[in-house]
């Protein structure tokens, strides 16, 4: 059972404990949402699906009126693939050691990739 304390914090507890907390007034039971996914809701028409842009519109028409900070970047400005994604955790740690980048011995592959990219 999921409960919500008066302070707003939520917690999953056993049913017997949750019923006691609700009865005493310390918390209230939180009902879960519906099973329906976004696609199911769209099929019933309960929540209309809003098309973000017409498919026949040109890129300039789609981004008209949008500030430069959130407009899509050109492909030229995208970062170059540095081949770090193809390496596993052990290979990344060896590469970090060669480059003199210190990473925690239990750091996962993603953390080591981030550290290597930050050191470039």
C-alpha atoms as a PDB file:
ATOM      1  CA  UNK A   1       0.000   0.000   0.000  1.00  0.00           C
ATOM      2  CA  UNK A   2       1.271   3.493  -0.800  1.00  0.00           C
ATOM      3  CA  UNK A   3       0.736   6.211   1.793  1.00  0.00           C
ATOM      4  CA  UNK A   4       1.377   9.940   1.910  1.00  0.00           C
ATOM      5  CA  UNK A   5       2.351  11.627   5.149  1.00  0.00           C
ATOM      6  CA  UNK A   6       0.950  15.022   6.110  1.00  0.00           C
ATOM      7  CA  UNK A   7       4.319  16.552   5.233  1.00  0.00           C
ATOM      8  CA  UNK A   8       3.913  15.334   1.635  1.00  0.00           C
ATOM      9  CA  UNK A   9       6.389  12.455   1.626  1.00  0.00           C
ATOM     10  CA  UNK A  10       5.216   9.222   0.075  1.00  0.00           C
ATOM     11  CA  UNK A  11       6.206   5.703   1.018  1.00  0.00           C
ATOM     12  CA  UNK A  12       5.360   2.117   0.177  1.00  0.00           C
ATOM     13  CA  UNK A  13       4.433   0.160   3.324  1.00  0.00           C
ATOM     14  CA  UNK A  14       2.811  -3.146   4.215  1.00  0.00           C
ATOM     15  CA  UNK A  15      -0.986  -3.066   4.158  1.00  0.00           C
ATOM     16  CA  UNK A  16      -1.328  -3.631   7.916  1.00  0.00           C
ATOM     17  CA  UNK A  17       1.035  -0.763   8.744  1.00  0.00           C
ATOM     18  CA  UNK A  18      -0.600   1.517   6.176  1.00  0.00           C
ATOM     19  CA  UNK A  19      -4.093   0.881   7.539  1.00  0.00           C
ATOM     20  CA  UNK A  20      -2.913   1.729  11.060  1.00  0.00           C
ATOM     21  CA  UNK A  21      -1.262   4.969   9.958  1.00  0.00           C
ATOM     22  CA  UNK A  22      -4.391   5.998   8.045  1.00  0.00           C
ATOM     23  CA  UNK A  23      -6.663   5.100  10.962  1.00  0.00           C
ATOM     24  CA  UNK A  24      -4.576   7.129  13.435  1.00  0.00           C
ATOM     25  CA  UNK A  25      -4.507  10.074  11.025  1.00  0.00           C
ATOM     26  CA  UNK A  26      -0.773  10.240  10.438  1.00  0.00           C
ATOM     27  CA  UNK A  27      -1.066   9.513   6.723  1.00  0.00           C
ATOM     28  CA  UNK A  28      -3.538   8.937   3.937  1.00  0.00           C
ATOM     29  CA  UNK A  29      -3.699   6.213   1.327  1.00  0.00           C
ATOM     30  CA  UNK A  30      -2.570   7.168  -2.163  1.00  0.00           C
ATOM     31  CA  UNK A  31      -4.615   5.567  -4.897  1.00  0.00           C
ATOM     32  CA  UNK A  32      -2.650   4.547  -7.952  1.00  0.00           C
ATOM     33  CA  UNK A  33      -3.474   5.889 -11.395  1.00  0.00           C
ATOM     34  CA  UNK A  34      -5.178   4.108 -14.211  1.00  0.00           C
ATOM     35  CA  UNK A  35      -3.675   1.245 -16.140  1.00  0.00           C
ATOM     36  CA  UNK A  36      -4.282   2.980 -19.441  1.00  0.00           C
ATOM     37  CA  UNK A  37      -1.227   3.993 -21.388  1.00  0.00           C
ATOM     38  CA  UNK A  38      -0.977   7.143 -23.491  1.00  0.00           C
ATOM     39  CA  UNK A  39      -1.937   5.182 -26.607  1.00  0.00           C
ATOM     40  CA  UNK A  40      -4.993   3.695 -24.910  1.00  0.00           C
ATOM     41  CA  UNK A  41      -6.128   7.125 -23.763  1.00  0.00           C
ATOM     42  CA  UNK A  42      -5.683   8.509 -27.279  1.00  0.00           C
ATOM     43  CA  UNK A  43      -7.822   5.704 -28.714  1.00  0.00           C
ATOM     44  CA  UNK A  44     -10.694   6.479 -26.320  1.00  0.00           C
ATOM     45  CA  UNK A  45     -10.544  10.192 -27.059  1.00  0.00           C
ATOM     46  CA  UNK A  46     -10.312  11.108 -23.387  1.00  0.00           C
ATOM     47  CA  UNK A  47      -7.138  13.074 -24.002  1.00  0.00           C
ATOM     48  CA  UNK A  48      -6.889  14.397 -27.550  1.00  0.00           C
ATOM     49  CA  UNK A  49      -3.539  13.918 -29.231  1.00  0.00           C
ATOM     50  CA  UNK A  50      -2.225  17.261 -30.404  1.00  0.00           C
ATOM     51  CA  UNK A  51      -0.078  17.168 -33.504  1.00  0.00           C
ATOM     52  CA  UNK A  52       3.032  19.204 -32.825  1.00  0.00           C
ATOM     53  CA  UNK A  53       3.574  20.218 -36.446  1.00  0.00           C
ATOM     54  CA  UNK A  54       2.070  19.466 -39.803  1.00  0.00           C
ATOM     55  CA  UNK A  55       4.214  17.077 -41.817  1.00  0.00           C
ATOM     56  CA  UNK A  56       4.103  19.237 -44.932  1.00  0.00           C
ATOM     57  CA  UNK A  57       5.464  22.349 -43.174  1.00  0.00           C
ATOM     58  CA  UNK A  58       8.983  23.478 -43.941  1.00  0.00           C
ATOM     59  CA  UNK A  59      11.593  23.647 -41.188  1.00  0.00           C
ATOM     60  CA  UNK A  60      11.536  27.454 -41.170  1.00  0.00           C
ATOM     61  CA  UNK A  61       7.766  27.432 -40.698  1.00  0.00           C
ATOM     62  CA  UNK A  62       8.019  24.918 -37.861  1.00  0.00           C
ATOM     63  CA  UNK A  63      10.560  26.949 -35.900  1.00  0.00           C
ATOM     64  CA  UNK A  64       9.183  30.415 -36.669  1.00  0.00           C
ATOM     65  CA  UNK A  65       8.809  32.460 -33.513  1.00  0.00           C
ATOM     66  CA  UNK A  66      10.948  30.145 -31.396  1.00  0.00           C
ATOM     67  CA  UNK A  67      13.923  31.691 -29.619  1.00  0.00           C
ATOM     68  CA  UNK A  68      17.406  30.814 -30.835  1.00  0.00           C
ATOM     69  CA  UNK A  69      18.254  29.097 -27.560  1.00  0.00           C
ATOM     70  CA  UNK A  70      15.738  26.297 -28.192  1.00  0.00           C
ATOM     71  CA  UNK A  71      15.872  26.011 -31.951  1.00  0.00           C
ATOM     72  CA  UNK A  72      17.460  22.843 -33.319  1.00  0.00           C
ATOM     73  CA  UNK A  73      21.175  23.104 -33.966  1.00  0.00           C
ATOM     74  CA  UNK A  74      22.715  22.506 -37.361  1.00  0.00           C
ATOM     75  CA  UNK A  75      24.377  19.156 -37.983  1.00  0.00           C
ATOM     76  CA  UNK A  76      27.719  20.944 -38.329  1.00  0.00           C
ATOM     77  CA  UNK A  77      27.588  22.043 -34.689  1.00  0.00           C
ATOM     78  CA  UNK A  78      26.939  18.548 -33.323  1.00  0.00           C
ATOM     79  CA  UNK A  79      29.813  16.909 -31.422  1.00  0.00           C
ATOM     80  CA  UNK A  80      31.980  14.428 -33.279  1.00  0.00           C
ATOM     81  CA  UNK A  81      31.641  10.789 -32.243  1.00  0.00           C
ATOM     82  CA  UNK A  82      34.667  10.065 -30.055  1.00  0.00           C
ATOM     83  CA  UNK A  83      34.277   6.249 -30.149  1.00  0.00           C
ATOM     84  CA  UNK A  84      33.929   6.061 -26.349  1.00  0.00           C
ATOM     85  CA  UNK A  85      30.477   4.534 -26.649  1.00  0.00           C
ATOM     86  CA  UNK A  86      31.907   1.413 -28.306  1.00  0.00           C
ATOM     87  CA  UNK A  87      34.260   0.649 -25.384  1.00  0.00           C
ATOM     88  CA  UNK A  88      33.332  -1.372 -22.316  1.00  0.00           C
ATOM     89  CA  UNK A  89      34.062  -0.367 -18.709  1.00  0.00           C
ATOM     90  CA  UNK A  90      37.478  -2.075 -18.470  1.00  0.00           C
ATOM     91  CA  UNK A  91      38.690  -0.539 -21.715  1.00  0.00           C
ATOM     92  CA  UNK A  92      37.454   2.875 -20.595  1.00  0.00           C
ATOM     93  CA  UNK A  93      39.297   2.565 -17.271  1.00  0.00           C
ATOM     94  CA  UNK A  94      42.519   1.655 -19.113  1.00  0.00           C
ATOM     95  CA  UNK A  95      42.085   4.654 -21.411  1.00  0.00           C
ATOM     96  CA  UNK A  96      41.448   6.918 -18.420  1.00  0.00           C
ATOM     97  CA  UNK A  97      44.619   5.635 -16.771  1.00  0.00           C
ATOM     98  CA  UNK A  98      46.628   6.342 -19.959  1.00  0.00           C
ATOM     99  CA  UNK A  99      45.265   9.890 -20.149  1.00  0.00           C
ATOM    100  CA  UNK A 100      45.829  10.509 -16.447  1.00  0.00           C
ATOM    101  CA  UNK A 101      42.135  10.893 -15.639  1.00  0.00           C
ATOM    102  CA  UNK A 102      41.319   9.659 -12.147  1.00  0.00           C
ATOM    103  CA  UNK A 103      38.047   7.753 -11.764  1.00  0.00           C
ATOM    104  CA  UNK A 104      36.633   5.734  -8.899  1.00  0.00           C
ATOM    105  CA  UNK A 105      37.435   2.024  -9.139  1.00  0.00           C
ATOM    106  CA  UNK A 106      33.735   1.109  -8.996  1.00  0.00           C
ATOM    107  CA  UNK A 107      32.622   3.780 -11.459  1.00  0.00           C
ATOM    108  CA  UNK A 108      30.454   2.417 -14.227  1.00  0.00           C
ATOM    109  CA  UNK A 109      31.141   2.809 -17.920  1.00  0.00           C
ATOM    110  CA  UNK A 110      28.911   5.883 -18.232  1.00  0.00           C
ATOM    111  CA  UNK A 111      30.682   7.720 -15.395  1.00  0.00           C
ATOM    112  CA  UNK A 112      34.094   6.952 -16.900  1.00  0.00           C
ATOM    113  CA  UNK A 113      32.896   8.193 -20.319  1.00  0.00           C
ATOM    114  CA  UNK A 114      31.701  11.438 -18.723  1.00  0.00           C
ATOM    115  CA  UNK A 115      35.028  11.905 -16.950  1.00  0.00           C
ATOM    116  CA  UNK A 116      36.978  11.290 -20.176  1.00  0.00           C
ATOM    117  CA  UNK A 117      34.827  13.705 -22.147  1.00  0.00           C
ATOM    118  CA  UNK A 118      35.152  16.356 -19.449  1.00  0.00           C
ATOM    119  CA  UNK A 119      38.946  15.989 -19.447  1.00  0.00           C
ATOM    120  CA  UNK A 120      39.242  16.591 -23.212  1.00  0.00           C
END
